[in-house]
Amino acid sequence: KASLQQKWEEASFSTRFKEIEYRLKMQRKRMRLLMNQAR
């Protein structure tokens, strides 16, 4: 909104978003194991 975003900032945001998405992906795998144990 402030029109201050530069290419390096875009890359930084993208990297941080991907890091969170990767953490969720790993958490989904752990959750599958937990659900199997719960069953």
Full PDB file with SEQRES, HELIX, SHEET, SSBOND, CRYST1, ORIGX, SCALE, CONECT and MASTER records, all heavy atoms in Angstrom:
SEQRES   1 A   39  LYS ALA SER LEU GLN GLN LYS TRP GLU GLU ALA SER PHE          
SEQRES   2 A   39  SER THR ARG PHE LYS GLU ILE GLU TYR ARG LEU LYS MET          
SEQRES   3 A   39  GLN ARG LYS ARG MET ARG LEU LEU MET ASN GLN ALA ARG          
HELIX    1 AA1 LYS A    7  ALA A   38  1                                  32    
CRYST1    1.000    1.000    1.000  90.00  90.00  90.00 P 1           1          
ORIGX1      1.000000  0.000000  0.000000        0.00000                         
ORIGX2      0.000000  1.000000  0.000000        0.00000                         
ORIGX3      0.000000  0.000000  1.000000        0.00000                         
SCALE1      1.000000  0.000000  0.000000        0.00000                         
SCALE2      0.000000  1.000000  0.000000        0.00000                         
SCALE3      0.000000  0.000000  1.000000        0.00000                         
ATOM      1  N   LYS A   1       0.823  -1.204   0.000  1.00  0.00           N  
ATOM      2  CA  LYS A   1       0.000   0.000   0.000  1.00  0.00           C  
ATOM      3  C   LYS A   1       0.861   1.259   0.000  1.00  0.00           C  
ATOM      4  O   LYS A   1       0.515   2.270  -0.622  1.00  0.00           O  
ATOM      5  CB  LYS A   1      -0.924  -0.025   1.220  1.00  0.00           C  
ATOM      6  CG  LYS A   1      -1.924   1.115   1.252  1.00  0.00           C  
ATOM      7  CD  LYS A   1      -2.859   0.970   2.429  1.00  0.00           C  
ATOM      8  CE  LYS A   1      -3.881   2.110   2.445  1.00  0.00           C  
ATOM      9  NZ  LYS A   1      -4.811   1.974   3.602  1.00  0.00           N  
ATOM     10  N   ALA A   2       1.970   1.197   0.710  1.00  0.00           N  
ATOM     11  CA  ALA A   2       2.858   2.367   0.787  1.00  0.00           C  
ATOM     12  C   ALA A   2       3.749   2.504  -0.438  1.00  0.00           C  
ATOM     13  O   ALA A   2       4.514   3.460  -0.545  1.00  0.00           O  
ATOM     14  CB  ALA A   2       3.709   2.276   2.049  1.00  0.00           C  
ATOM     15  N   SER A   3       3.660   1.561  -1.358  1.00  0.00           N  
ATOM     16  CA  SER A   3       4.462   1.574  -2.596  1.00  0.00           C  
ATOM     17  C   SER A   3       5.960   1.633  -2.322  1.00  0.00           C  
ATOM     18  O   SER A   3       6.717   2.251  -3.067  1.00  0.00           O  
ATOM     19  CB  SER A   3       4.055   2.762  -3.480  1.00  0.00           C  
ATOM     20  OG  SER A   3       2.708   2.689  -3.817  1.00  0.00           O  
ATOM     21  N   LEU A   4       6.389   0.981  -1.239  1.00  0.00           N  
ATOM     22  CA  LEU A   4       7.806   0.983  -0.884  1.00  0.00           C  
ATOM     23  C   LEU A   4       8.465  -0.367  -1.155  1.00  0.00           C  
ATOM     24  O   LEU A   4       9.637  -0.555  -0.855  1.00  0.00           O  
ATOM     25  CB  LEU A   4       7.965   1.327   0.608  1.00  0.00           C  
ATOM     26  CG  LEU A   4       7.482   2.718   1.024  1.00  0.00           C  
ATOM     27  CD1 LEU A   4       7.590   2.869   2.533  1.00  0.00           C  
ATOM     28  CD2 LEU A   4       8.290   3.794   0.320  1.00  0.00           C  
ATOM     29  N   GLN A   5       7.673  -1.295  -1.718  1.00  0.00           N  
ATOM     30  CA  GLN A   5       8.191  -2.651  -1.881  1.00  0.00           C  
ATOM     31  C   GLN A   5       9.149  -2.727  -3.068  1.00  0.00           C  
ATOM     32  O   GLN A   5       8.816  -2.351  -4.179  1.00  0.00           O  
ATOM     33  CB  GLN A   5       7.005  -3.603  -2.102  1.00  0.00           C  
ATOM     34  CG  GLN A   5       7.357  -5.061  -1.938  1.00  0.00           C  
ATOM     35  CD  GLN A   5       6.072  -5.891  -1.947  1.00  0.00           C  
ATOM     36  OE1 GLN A   5       4.989  -5.345  -1.878  1.00  0.00           O  
ATOM     37  NE2 GLN A   5       6.221  -7.172  -2.035  1.00  0.00           N  
ATOM     38  N   GLN A   6      10.354  -3.221  -2.817  1.00  0.00           N  
ATOM     39  CA  GLN A   6      11.358  -3.400  -3.856  1.00  0.00           C  
ATOM     40  C   GLN A   6      11.515  -4.898  -4.133  1.00  0.00           C  
ATOM     41  O   GLN A   6      10.953  -5.753  -3.443  1.00  0.00           O  
ATOM     42  CB  GLN A   6      12.698  -2.809  -3.395  1.00  0.00           C  
ATOM     43  CG  GLN A   6      12.617  -1.336  -3.040  1.00  0.00           C  
ATOM     44  CD  GLN A   6      12.243  -0.470  -4.234  1.00  0.00           C  
ATOM     45  OE1 GLN A   6      12.687  -0.751  -5.356  1.00  0.00           O  
ATOM     46  NE2 GLN A   6      11.461   0.563  -3.996  1.00  0.00           N  
ATOM     47  N   LYS A   7      12.289  -5.214  -5.169  1.00  0.00           N  
ATOM     48  CA  LYS A   7      12.448  -6.613  -5.536  1.00  0.00           C  
ATOM     49  C   LYS A   7      13.013  -7.448  -4.396  1.00  0.00           C  
ATOM     50  O   LYS A   7      12.586  -8.569  -4.158  1.00  0.00           O  
ATOM     51  CB  LYS A   7      13.344  -6.732  -6.765  1.00  0.00           C  
ATOM     52  CG  LYS A   7      12.686  -6.254  -8.059  1.00  0.00           C  
ATOM     53  CD  LYS A   7      13.576  -6.496  -9.256  1.00  0.00           C  
ATOM     54  CE  LYS A   7      12.882  -6.059 -10.538  1.00  0.00           C  
ATOM     55  NZ  LYS A   7      13.741  -6.292 -11.732  1.00  0.00           N  
ATOM     56  N   TRP A   8      13.997  -6.892  -3.680  1.00  0.00           N  
ATOM     57  CA  TRP A   8      14.588  -7.673  -2.599  1.00  0.00           C  
ATOM     58  C   TRP A   8      13.582  -7.885  -1.473  1.00  0.00           C  
ATOM     59  O   TRP A   8      13.602  -8.921  -0.802  1.00  0.00           O  
ATOM     60  CB  TRP A   8      15.847  -6.996  -2.070  1.00  0.00           C  
ATOM     61  CG  TRP A   8      15.605  -5.695  -1.341  1.00  0.00           C  
ATOM     62  CD1 TRP A   8      15.574  -4.449  -1.874  1.00  0.00           C  
ATOM     63  CD2 TRP A   8      15.361  -5.543   0.061  1.00  0.00           C  
ATOM     64  NE1 TRP A   8      15.320  -3.499  -0.910  1.00  0.00           N  
ATOM     65  CE2 TRP A   8      15.191  -4.146   0.302  1.00  0.00           C  
ATOM     66  CE3 TRP A   8      15.271  -6.438   1.130  1.00  0.00           C  
ATOM     67  CZ2 TRP A   8      14.929  -3.641   1.557  1.00  0.00           C  
ATOM     68  CZ3 TRP A   8      15.025  -5.904   2.382  1.00  0.00           C  
ATOM     69  CH2 TRP A   8      14.846  -4.531   2.607  1.00  0.00           C  
ATOM     70  N   GLU A   9      12.660  -6.919  -1.279  1.00  0.00           N  
ATOM     71  CA  GLU A   9      11.627  -7.065  -0.257  1.00  0.00           C  
ATOM     72  C   GLU A   9      10.637  -8.150  -0.670  1.00  0.00           C  
ATOM     73  O   GLU A   9      10.204  -8.963   0.148  1.00  0.00           O  
ATOM     74  CB  GLU A   9      10.904  -5.740  -0.047  1.00  0.00           C  
ATOM     75  CG  GLU A   9      11.768  -4.677   0.612  1.00  0.00           C  
ATOM     76  CD  GLU A   9      11.050  -3.349   0.684  1.00  0.00           C  
ATOM     77  OE1 GLU A   9      10.395  -2.977  -0.315  1.00  0.00           O  
ATOM     78  OE2 GLU A   9      11.153  -2.694   1.732  1.00  0.00           O  
ATOM     79  N   GLU A  10      10.270  -8.146  -1.948  1.00  0.00           N  
ATOM     80  CA  GLU A  10       9.365  -9.174  -2.444  1.00  0.00           C  
ATOM     81  C   GLU A  10       9.968 -10.558  -2.251  1.00  0.00           C  
ATOM     82  O   GLU A  10       9.293 -11.505  -1.845  1.00  0.00           O  
ATOM     83  CB  GLU A  10       9.059  -8.930  -3.920  1.00  0.00           C  
ATOM     84  CG  GLU A  10       8.251  -7.669  -4.169  1.00  0.00           C  
ATOM     85  CD  GLU A  10       8.042  -7.431  -5.645  1.00  0.00           C  
ATOM     86  OE1 GLU A  10       8.605  -8.209  -6.447  1.00  0.00           O  
ATOM     87  OE2 GLU A  10       7.339  -6.474  -5.999  1.00  0.00           O  
ATOM     88  N   ALA A  11      11.249 -10.696  -2.541  1.00  0.00           N  
ATOM     89  CA  ALA A  11      11.930 -11.975  -2.367  1.00  0.00           C  
ATOM     90  C   ALA A  11      11.948 -12.375  -0.898  1.00  0.00           C  
ATOM     91  O   ALA A  11      11.768 -13.543  -0.548  1.00  0.00           O  
ATOM     92  CB  ALA A  11      13.355 -11.889  -2.915  1.00  0.00           C  
ATOM     93  N   SER A  12      12.138 -11.396  -0.015  1.00  0.00           N  
ATOM     94  CA  SER A  12      12.156 -11.679   1.423  1.00  0.00           C  
ATOM     95  C   SER A  12      10.806 -12.184   1.895  1.00  0.00           C  
ATOM     96  O   SER A  12      10.717 -13.174   2.613  1.00  0.00           O  
ATOM     97  CB  SER A  12      12.549 -10.421   2.200  1.00  0.00           C  
ATOM     98  OG  SER A  12      12.450 -10.644   3.591  1.00  0.00           O  
ATOM     99  N   PHE A  13       9.741 -11.479   1.498  1.00  0.00           N  
ATOM    100  CA  PHE A  13       8.405 -11.918   1.887  1.00  0.00           C  
ATOM    101  C   PHE A  13       8.117 -13.313   1.342  1.00  0.00           C  
ATOM    102  O   PHE A  13       7.580 -14.172   2.031  1.00  0.00           O  
ATOM    103  CB  PHE A  13       7.352 -10.935   1.370  1.00  0.00           C  
ATOM    104  CG  PHE A  13       7.173  -9.719   2.231  1.00  0.00           C  
ATOM    105  CD1 PHE A  13       7.453  -8.457   1.748  1.00  0.00           C  
ATOM    106  CD2 PHE A  13       6.725  -9.850   3.543  1.00  0.00           C  
ATOM    107  CE1 PHE A  13       7.291  -7.343   2.546  1.00  0.00           C  
ATOM    108  CE2 PHE A  13       6.548  -8.729   4.345  1.00  0.00           C  
ATOM    109  CZ  PHE A  13       6.830  -7.477   3.850  1.00  0.00           C  
ATOM    110  N   SER A  14       8.463 -13.550   0.086  1.00  0.00           N  
ATOM    111  CA  SER A  14       8.222 -14.846  -0.539  1.00  0.00           C  
ATOM    112  C   SER A  14       8.934 -15.960   0.213  1.00  0.00           C  
ATOM    113  O   SER A  14       8.362 -17.020   0.465  1.00  0.00           O  
ATOM    114  CB  SER A  14       8.691 -14.814  -1.996  1.00  0.00           C  
ATOM    115  OG  SER A  14       8.525 -16.071  -2.594  1.00  0.00           O  
ATOM    116  N   THR A  15      10.181 -15.704   0.593  1.00  0.00           N  
ATOM    117  CA  THR A  15      10.948 -16.710   1.325  1.00  0.00           C  
ATOM    118  C   THR A  15      10.309 -17.020   2.675  1.00  0.00           C  
ATOM    119  O   THR A  15      10.186 -18.183   3.069  1.00  0.00           O  
ATOM    120  CB  THR A  15      12.392 -16.229   1.539  1.00  0.00           C  
ATOM    121  OG1 THR A  15      12.995 -16.012   0.259  1.00  0.00           O  
ATOM    122  CG2 THR A  15      13.206 -17.253   2.310  1.00  0.00           C  
ATOM    123  N   ARG A  16       9.880 -15.974   3.364  1.00  0.00           N  
ATOM    124  CA  ARG A  16       9.270 -16.181   4.688  1.00  0.00           C  
ATOM    125  C   ARG A  16       7.934 -16.920   4.582  1.00  0.00           C  
ATOM    126  O   ARG A  16       7.622 -17.777   5.406  1.00  0.00           O  
ATOM    127  CB  ARG A  16       9.101 -14.833   5.380  1.00  0.00           C  
ATOM    128  CG  ARG A  16      10.437 -14.215   5.783  1.00  0.00           C  
ATOM    129  CD  ARG A  16      10.336 -12.735   6.029  1.00  0.00           C  
ATOM    130  NE  ARG A  16       9.508 -12.425   7.197  1.00  0.00           N  
ATOM    131  CZ  ARG A  16       9.105 -11.183   7.503  1.00  0.00           C  
ATOM    132  NH1 ARG A  16       9.465 -10.169   6.710  1.00  0.00           N  
ATOM    133  NH2 ARG A  16       8.367 -10.961   8.565  1.00  0.00           N  
ATOM    134  N   PHE A  17       7.137 -16.590   3.542  1.00  0.00           N  
ATOM    135  CA  PHE A  17       5.887 -17.309   3.328  1.00  0.00           C  
ATOM    136  C   PHE A  17       6.162 -18.792   3.064  1.00  0.00           C  
ATOM    137  O   PHE A  17       5.490 -19.678   3.601  1.00  0.00           O  
ATOM    138  CB  PHE A  17       5.114 -16.718   2.146  1.00  0.00           C  
ATOM    139  CG  PHE A  17       4.261 -15.534   2.503  1.00  0.00           C  
ATOM    140  CD1 PHE A  17       4.404 -14.334   1.826  1.00  0.00           C  
ATOM    141  CD2 PHE A  17       3.318 -15.615   3.499  1.00  0.00           C  
ATOM    142  CE1 PHE A  17       3.625 -13.238   2.152  1.00  0.00           C  
ATOM    143  CE2 PHE A  17       2.522 -14.526   3.832  1.00  0.00           C  
ATOM    144  CZ  PHE A  17       2.682 -13.332   3.150  1.00  0.00           C  
ATOM    145  N   LYS A  18       7.152 -19.067   2.225  1.00  0.00           N  
ATOM    146  CA  LYS A  18       7.475 -20.453   1.895  1.00  0.00           C  
ATOM    147  C   LYS A  18       7.972 -21.218   3.111  1.00  0.00           C  
ATOM    148  O   LYS A  18       7.715 -22.421   3.246  1.00  0.00           O  
ATOM    149  CB  LYS A  18       8.517 -20.484   0.770  1.00  0.00           C  
ATOM    150  CG  LYS A  18       7.954 -20.067  -0.587  1.00  0.00           C  
ATOM    151  CD  LYS A  18       9.021 -20.095  -1.674  1.00  0.00           C  
ATOM    152  CE  LYS A  18       8.435 -19.694  -3.020  1.00  0.00           C  
ATOM    153  NZ  LYS A  18       9.463 -19.663  -4.091  1.00  0.00           N  
ATOM    154  N   GLU A  19       8.706 -20.524   3.980  1.00  0.00           N  
ATOM    155  CA  GLU A  19       9.170 -21.185   5.197  1.00  0.00           C  
ATOM    156  C   GLU A  19       7.997 -21.638   6.064  1.00  0.00           C  
ATOM    157  O   GLU A  19       7.980 -22.754   6.592  1.00  0.00           O  
ATOM    158  CB  GLU A  19      10.070 -20.230   5.993  1.00  0.00           C  
ATOM    159  CG  GLU A  19      11.454 -20.025   5.388  1.00  0.00           C  
ATOM    160  CD  GLU A  19      12.254 -18.974   6.140  1.00  0.00           C  
ATOM    161  OE1 GLU A  19      11.683 -18.342   7.058  1.00  0.00           O  
ATOM    162  OE2 GLU A  19      13.443 -18.787   5.807  1.00  0.00           O  
ATOM    163  N   ILE A  20       6.990 -20.755   6.197  1.00  0.00           N  
ATOM    164  CA  ILE A  20       5.814 -21.115   7.000  1.00  0.00           C  
ATOM    165  C   ILE A  20       5.048 -22.260   6.338  1.00  0.00           C  
ATOM    166  O   ILE A  20       4.593 -23.191   7.003  1.00  0.00           O  
ATOM    167  CB  ILE A  20       4.902 -19.887   7.191  1.00  0.00           C  
ATOM    168  CG1 ILE A  20       5.647 -18.799   7.969  1.00  0.00           C  
ATOM    169  CG2 ILE A  20       3.627 -20.280   7.942  1.00  0.00           C  
ATOM    170  CD1 ILE A  20       4.874 -17.501   8.101  1.00  0.00           C  
ATOM    171  N   GLU A  21       4.900 -22.191   5.013  1.00  0.00           N  
ATOM    172  CA  GLU A  21       4.200 -23.258   4.302  1.00  0.00           C  
ATOM    173  C   GLU A  21       4.917 -24.594   4.471  1.00  0.00           C  
ATOM    174  O   GLU A  21       4.283 -25.640   4.629  1.00  0.00           O  
ATOM    175  CB  GLU A  21       4.082 -22.899   2.816  1.00  0.00           C  
ATOM    176  CG  GLU A  21       3.111 -21.754   2.541  1.00  0.00           C  
ATOM    177  CD  GLU A  21       3.078 -21.352   1.089  1.00  0.00           C  
ATOM    178  OE1 GLU A  21       3.830 -21.955   0.292  1.00  0.00           O  
ATOM    179  OE2 GLU A  21       2.318 -20.431   0.739  1.00  0.00           O  
ATOM    180  N   TYR A  22       6.261 -24.568   4.453  1.00  0.00           N  
ATOM    181  CA  TYR A  22       7.018 -25.801   4.639  1.00  0.00           C  
ATOM    182  C   TYR A  22       6.806 -26.358   6.053  1.00  0.00           C  
ATOM    183  O   TYR A  22       6.649 -27.565   6.237  1.00  0.00           O  
ATOM    184  CB  TYR A  22       8.509 -25.550   4.397  1.00  0.00           C  
ATOM    185  CG  TYR A  22       9.365 -26.783   4.607  1.00  0.00           C  
ATOM    186  CD1 TYR A  22       9.408 -27.785   3.651  1.00  0.00           C  
ATOM    187  CD2 TYR A  22      10.114 -26.934   5.774  1.00  0.00           C  
ATOM    188  CE1 TYR A  22      10.178 -28.921   3.843  1.00  0.00           C  
ATOM    189  CE2 TYR A  22      10.893 -28.062   5.971  1.00  0.00           C  
ATOM    190  CZ  TYR A  22      10.918 -29.057   5.009  1.00  0.00           C  
ATOM    191  OH  TYR A  22      11.675 -30.176   5.204  1.00  0.00           O  
ATOM    192  N   ARG A  23       6.774 -25.460   7.044  1.00  0.00           N  
ATOM    193  CA  ARG A  23       6.553 -25.909   8.410  1.00  0.00           C  
ATOM    194  C   ARG A  23       5.178 -26.555   8.557  1.00  0.00           C  
ATOM    195  O   ARG A  23       5.018 -27.566   9.241  1.00  0.00           O  
ATOM    196  CB  ARG A  23       6.690 -24.723   9.376  1.00  0.00           C  
ATOM    197  CG  ARG A  23       8.154 -24.379   9.675  1.00  0.00           C  
ATOM    198  CD  ARG A  23       8.335 -22.951  10.105  1.00  0.00           C  
ATOM    199  NE  ARG A  23       7.416 -22.552  11.172  1.00  0.00           N  
ATOM    200  CZ  ARG A  23       7.250 -21.297  11.565  1.00  0.00           C  
ATOM    201  NH1 ARG A  23       7.945 -20.330  10.966  1.00  0.00           N  
ATOM    202  NH2 ARG A  23       6.408 -20.993  12.531  1.00  0.00           N  
ATOM    203  N   LEU A  24       4.182 -25.991   7.891  1.00  0.00           N  
ATOM    204  CA  LEU A  24       2.847 -26.594   7.927  1.00  0.00           C  
ATOM    205  C   LEU A  24       2.828 -27.950   7.227  1.00  0.00           C  
ATOM    206  O   LEU A  24       2.149 -28.880   7.660  1.00  0.00           O  
ATOM    207  CB  LEU A  24       1.825 -25.668   7.268  1.00  0.00           C  
ATOM    208  CG  LEU A  24       1.397 -24.441   8.068  1.00  0.00           C  
ATOM    209  CD1 LEU A  24       0.292 -23.705   7.318  1.00  0.00           C  
ATOM    210  CD2 LEU A  24       0.910 -24.825   9.453  1.00  0.00           C  
ATOM    211  N   LYS A  25       3.574 -28.061   6.133  1.00  0.00           N  
ATOM    212  CA  LYS A  25       3.648 -29.336   5.424  1.00  0.00           C  
ATOM    213  C   LYS A  25       4.230 -30.420   6.315  1.00  0.00           C  
ATOM    214  O   LYS A  25       3.734 -31.548   6.372  1.00  0.00           O  
ATOM    215  CB  LYS A  25       4.500 -29.177   4.154  1.00  0.00           C  
ATOM    216  CG  LYS A  25       4.576 -30.432   3.303  1.00  0.00           C  
ATOM    217  CD  LYS A  25       5.397 -30.173   2.042  1.00  0.00           C  
ATOM    218  CE  LYS A  25       5.483 -31.420   1.166  1.00  0.00           C  
ATOM    219  NZ  LYS A  25       6.290 -31.170  -0.053  1.00  0.00           N  
ATOM    220  N   MET A  26       5.300 -30.080   7.050  1.00  0.00           N  
ATOM    221  CA  MET A  26       5.903 -31.039   7.975  1.00  0.00           C  
ATOM    222  C   MET A  26       4.949 -31.362   9.123  1.00  0.00           C  
ATOM    223  O   MET A  26       4.869 -32.508   9.589  1.00  0.00           O  
ATOM    224  CB  MET A  26       7.212 -30.472   8.535  1.00  0.00           C  
ATOM    225  CG  MET A  26       8.333 -30.313   7.511  1.00  0.00           C  
ATOM    226  SD  MET A  26       8.843 -31.895   6.744  1.00  0.00           S  
ATOM    227  CE  MET A  26       7.979 -31.795   5.155  1.00  0.00           C  
ATOM    228  N   GLN A  27       4.204 -30.353   9.553  1.00  0.00           N  
ATOM    229  CA  GLN A  27       3.259 -30.585  10.644  1.00  0.00           C  
ATOM    230  C   GLN A  27       2.138 -31.510  10.193  1.00  0.00           C  
ATOM    231  O   GLN A  27       1.658 -32.340  10.972  1.00  0.00           O  
ATOM    232  CB  GLN A  27       2.683 -29.264  11.140  1.00  0.00           C  
ATOM    233  CG  GLN A  27       1.876 -29.433  12.431  1.00  0.00           C  
ATOM    234  CD  GLN A  27       1.456 -28.106  13.023  1.00  0.00           C  
ATOM    235  OE1 GLN A  27       1.322 -27.123  12.319  1.00  0.00           O  
ATOM    236  NE2 GLN A  27       1.229 -28.089  14.330  1.00  0.00           N  
ATOM    237  N   ARG A  28       1.708 -31.392   8.943  1.00  0.00           N  
ATOM    238  CA  ARG A  28       0.688 -32.303   8.429  1.00  0.00           C  
ATOM    239  C   ARG A  28       1.173 -33.737   8.491  1.00  0.00           C  
ATOM    240  O   ARG A  28       0.421 -34.661   8.811  1.00  0.00           O  
ATOM    241  CB  ARG A  28       0.327 -31.929   6.989  1.00  0.00           C  
ATOM    242  CG  ARG A  28      -0.647 -30.774   6.877  1.00  0.00           C  
ATOM    243  CD  ARG A  28      -0.972 -30.499   5.434  1.00  0.00           C  
ATOM    244  NE  ARG A  28      -1.470 -31.696   4.774  1.00  0.00           N  
ATOM    245  CZ  ARG A  28      -1.376 -31.917   3.456  1.00  0.00           C  
ATOM    246  NH1 ARG A  28      -0.782 -31.036   2.687  1.00  0.00           N  
ATOM    247  NH2 ARG A  28      -1.888 -33.010   2.942  1.00  0.00           N  
ATOM    248  N   LYS A  29       2.449 -33.972   8.178  1.00  0.00           N  
ATOM    249  CA  LYS A  29       2.992 -35.333   8.247  1.00  0.00           C  
ATOM    250  C   LYS A  29       2.994 -35.838   9.684  1.00  0.00           C  
ATOM    251  O   LYS A  29       2.653 -36.995   9.948  1.00  0.00           O  
ATOM    252  CB  LYS A  29       4.410 -35.351   7.666  1.00  0.00           C  
ATOM    253  CG  LYS A  29       4.460 -35.101   6.159  1.00  0.00           C  
ATOM    254  CD  LYS A  29       5.887 -35.209   5.628  1.00  0.00           C  
ATOM    255  CE  LYS A  29       5.917 -35.005   4.113  1.00  0.00           C  
ATOM    256  NZ  LYS A  29       7.282 -35.096   3.552  1.00  0.00           N  
ATOM    257  N   ARG A  30       3.372 -34.967  10.629  1.00  0.00           N  
ATOM    258  CA  ARG A  30       3.351 -35.376  12.035  1.00  0.00           C  
ATOM    259  C   ARG A  30       1.927 -35.658  12.491  1.00  0.00           C  
ATOM    260  O   ARG A  30       1.688 -36.595  13.263  1.00  0.00           O  
ATOM    261  CB  ARG A  30       3.985 -34.289  12.903  1.00  0.00           C  
ATOM    262  CG  ARG A  30       5.470 -34.046  12.646  1.00  0.00           C  
ATOM    263  CD  ARG A  30       6.114 -33.261  13.777  1.00  0.00           C  
ATOM    264  NE  ARG A  30       5.503 -31.967  13.986  1.00  0.00           N  
ATOM    265  CZ  ARG A  30       5.866 -30.858  13.354  1.00  0.00           C  
ATOM    266  NH1 ARG A  30       6.831 -30.894  12.425  1.00  0.00           N  
ATOM    267  NH2 ARG A  30       5.268 -29.709  13.606  1.00  0.00           N  
ATOM    268  N   MET A  31       0.978 -34.863  11.994  1.00  0.00           N  
ATOM    269  CA  MET A  31      -0.417 -35.062  12.372  1.00  0.00           C  
ATOM    270  C   MET A  31      -0.955 -36.380  11.848  1.00  0.00           C  
ATOM    271  O   MET A  31      -1.748 -37.051  12.513  1.00  0.00           O  
ATOM    272  CB  MET A  31      -1.271 -33.912  11.851  1.00  0.00           C  
ATOM    273  CG  MET A  31      -1.227 -32.673  12.719  1.00  0.00           C  
ATOM    274  SD  MET A  31      -1.798 -32.998  14.403  1.00  0.00           S  
ATOM    275  CE  MET A  31      -3.446 -33.616  14.101  1.00  0.00           C  
ATOM    276  N   ARG A  32      -0.515 -36.796  10.661  1.00  0.00           N  
ATOM    277  CA  ARG A  32      -0.963 -38.091  10.141  1.00  0.00           C  
ATOM    278  C   ARG A  32      -0.502 -39.215  11.053  1.00  0.00           C  
ATOM    279  O   ARG A  32      -1.243 -40.165  11.316  1.00  0.00           O  
ATOM    280  CB  ARG A  32      -0.446 -38.290   8.710  1.00  0.00           C  
ATOM    281  CG  ARG A  32      -1.262 -37.564   7.661  1.00  0.00           C  
ATOM    282  CD  ARG A  32      -0.983 -38.109   6.269  1.00  0.00           C  
ATOM    283  NE  ARG A  32       0.355 -37.785   5.815  1.00  0.00           N  
ATOM    284  CZ  ARG A  32       0.658 -36.706   5.111  1.00  0.00           C  
ATOM    285  NH1 ARG A  32      -0.286 -35.836   4.804  1.00  0.00           N  
ATOM    286  NH2 ARG A  32       1.891 -36.475   4.706  1.00  0.00           N  
ATOM    287  N   LEU A  33       0.750 -39.101  11.544  1.00  0.00           N  
ATOM    288  CA  LEU A  33       1.251 -40.119  12.475  1.00  0.00           C  
ATOM    289  C   LEU A  33       0.458 -40.103  13.770  1.00  0.00           C  
ATOM    290  O   LEU A  33       0.105 -41.164  14.310  1.00  0.00           O  
ATOM    291  CB  LEU A  33       2.742 -39.865  12.756  1.00  0.00           C  
ATOM    292  CG  LEU A  33       3.708 -40.076  11.583  1.00  0.00           C  
ATOM    293  CD1 LEU A  33       5.116 -39.659  11.978  1.00  0.00           C  
ATOM    294  CD2 LEU A  33       3.700 -41.541  11.139  1.00  0.00           C  
ATOM    295  N   LEU A  34       0.170 -38.921  14.288  1.00  0.00           N  
ATOM    296  CA  LEU A  34      -0.613 -38.824  15.520  1.00  0.00           C  
ATOM    297  C   LEU A  34      -2.019 -39.389  15.350  1.00  0.00           C  
ATOM    298  O   LEU A  34      -2.540 -40.059  16.240  1.00  0.00           O  
ATOM    299  CB  LEU A  34      -0.696 -37.366  15.969  1.00  0.00           C  
ATOM    300  CG  LEU A  34       0.501 -36.825  16.764  1.00  0.00           C  
ATOM    301  CD1 LEU A  34       0.336 -35.334  17.008  1.00  0.00           C  
ATOM    302  CD2 LEU A  34       0.630 -37.548  18.092  1.00  0.00           C  
ATOM    303  N   MET A  35      -2.630 -39.124  14.200  1.00  0.00           N  
ATOM    304  CA  MET A  35      -3.978 -39.632  13.955  1.00  0.00           C  
ATOM    305  C   MET A  35      -3.983 -41.145  13.852  1.00  0.00           C  
ATOM    306  O   MET A  35      -4.903 -41.817  14.321  1.00  0.00           O  
ATOM    307  CB  MET A  35      -4.561 -39.001  12.689  1.00  0.00           C  
ATOM    308  CG  MET A  35      -4.899 -37.529  12.845  1.00  0.00           C  
ATOM    309  SD  MET A  35      -5.658 -36.807  11.369  1.00  0.00           S  
ATOM    310  CE  MET A  35      -7.264 -37.612  11.402  1.00  0.00           C  
ATOM    311  N   ASN A  36      -2.938 -41.709  13.244  1.00  0.00           N  
ATOM    312  CA  ASN A  36      -2.830 -43.168  13.199  1.00  0.00           C  
ATOM    313  C   ASN A  36      -2.705 -43.748  14.601  1.00  0.00           C  
ATOM    314  O   ASN A  36      -3.324 -44.769  14.930  1.00  0.00           O  
ATOM    315  CB  ASN A  36      -1.622 -43.584  12.351  1.00  0.00           C  
ATOM    316  CG  ASN A  36      -1.836 -43.349  10.876  1.00  0.00           C  
ATOM    317  OD1 ASN A  36      -2.981 -43.327  10.408  1.00  0.00           O  
ATOM    318  ND2 ASN A  36      -0.757 -43.156  10.128  1.00  0.00           N  
ATOM    319  N   GLN A  37      -1.913 -43.076  15.440  1.00  0.00           N  
ATOM    320  CA  GLN A  37      -1.766 -43.539  16.815  1.00  0.00           C  
ATOM    321  C   GLN A  37      -3.081 -43.401  17.581  1.00  0.00           C  
ATOM    322  O   GLN A  37      -3.425 -44.249  18.398  1.00  0.00           O  
ATOM    323  CB  GLN A  37      -0.659 -42.748  17.514  1.00  0.00           C  
ATOM    324  CG  GLN A  37       0.727 -43.024  16.953  1.00  0.00           C  
ATOM    325  CD  GLN A  37       1.789 -42.159  17.609  1.00  0.00           C  
ATOM    326  OE1 GLN A  37       1.572 -41.596  18.669  1.00  0.00           O  
ATOM    327  NE2 GLN A  37       2.945 -42.056  16.962  1.00  0.00           N  
ATOM    328  N   ALA A  38      -3.824 -42.320  17.317  1.00  0.00           N  
ATOM    329  CA  ALA A  38      -5.114 -42.123  17.969  1.00  0.00           C  
ATOM    330  C   ALA A  38      -6.100 -43.207  17.560  1.00  0.00           C  
ATOM    331  O   ALA A  38      -6.859 -43.728  18.385  1.00  0.00           O  
ATOM    332  CB  ALA A  38      -5.670 -40.744  17.635  1.00  0.00           C  
ATOM    333  N   ARG A  39      -6.097 -43.579  16.267  1.00  0.00           N  
ATOM    334  CA  ARG A  39      -6.981 -44.648  15.799  1.00  0.00           C  
ATOM    335  C   ARG A  39      -6.609 -45.978  16.440  1.00  0.00           C  
ATOM    336  O   ARG A  39      -7.476 -46.757  16.834  1.00  0.00           O  
ATOM    337  CB  ARG A  39      -6.920 -44.752  14.272  1.00  0.00           C  
ATOM    338  CG  ARG A  39      -7.752 -43.700  13.558  1.00  0.00           C  
ATOM    339  CD  ARG A  39      -7.902 -44.026  12.089  1.00  0.00           C  
ATOM    340  NE  ARG A  39      -6.645 -43.829  11.368  1.00  0.00           N  
ATOM    341  CZ  ARG A  39      -6.308 -42.710  10.766  1.00  0.00           C  
ATOM    342  NH1 ARG A  39      -7.120 -41.681  10.797  1.00  0.00           N  
ATOM    343  NH2 ARG A  39      -5.169 -42.599  10.122  1.00  0.00           N  
TER     344      ARG A  39                                                      
MASTER        0    0    0    1    0    0    0    6  343    1    0    3          
END                                                                             
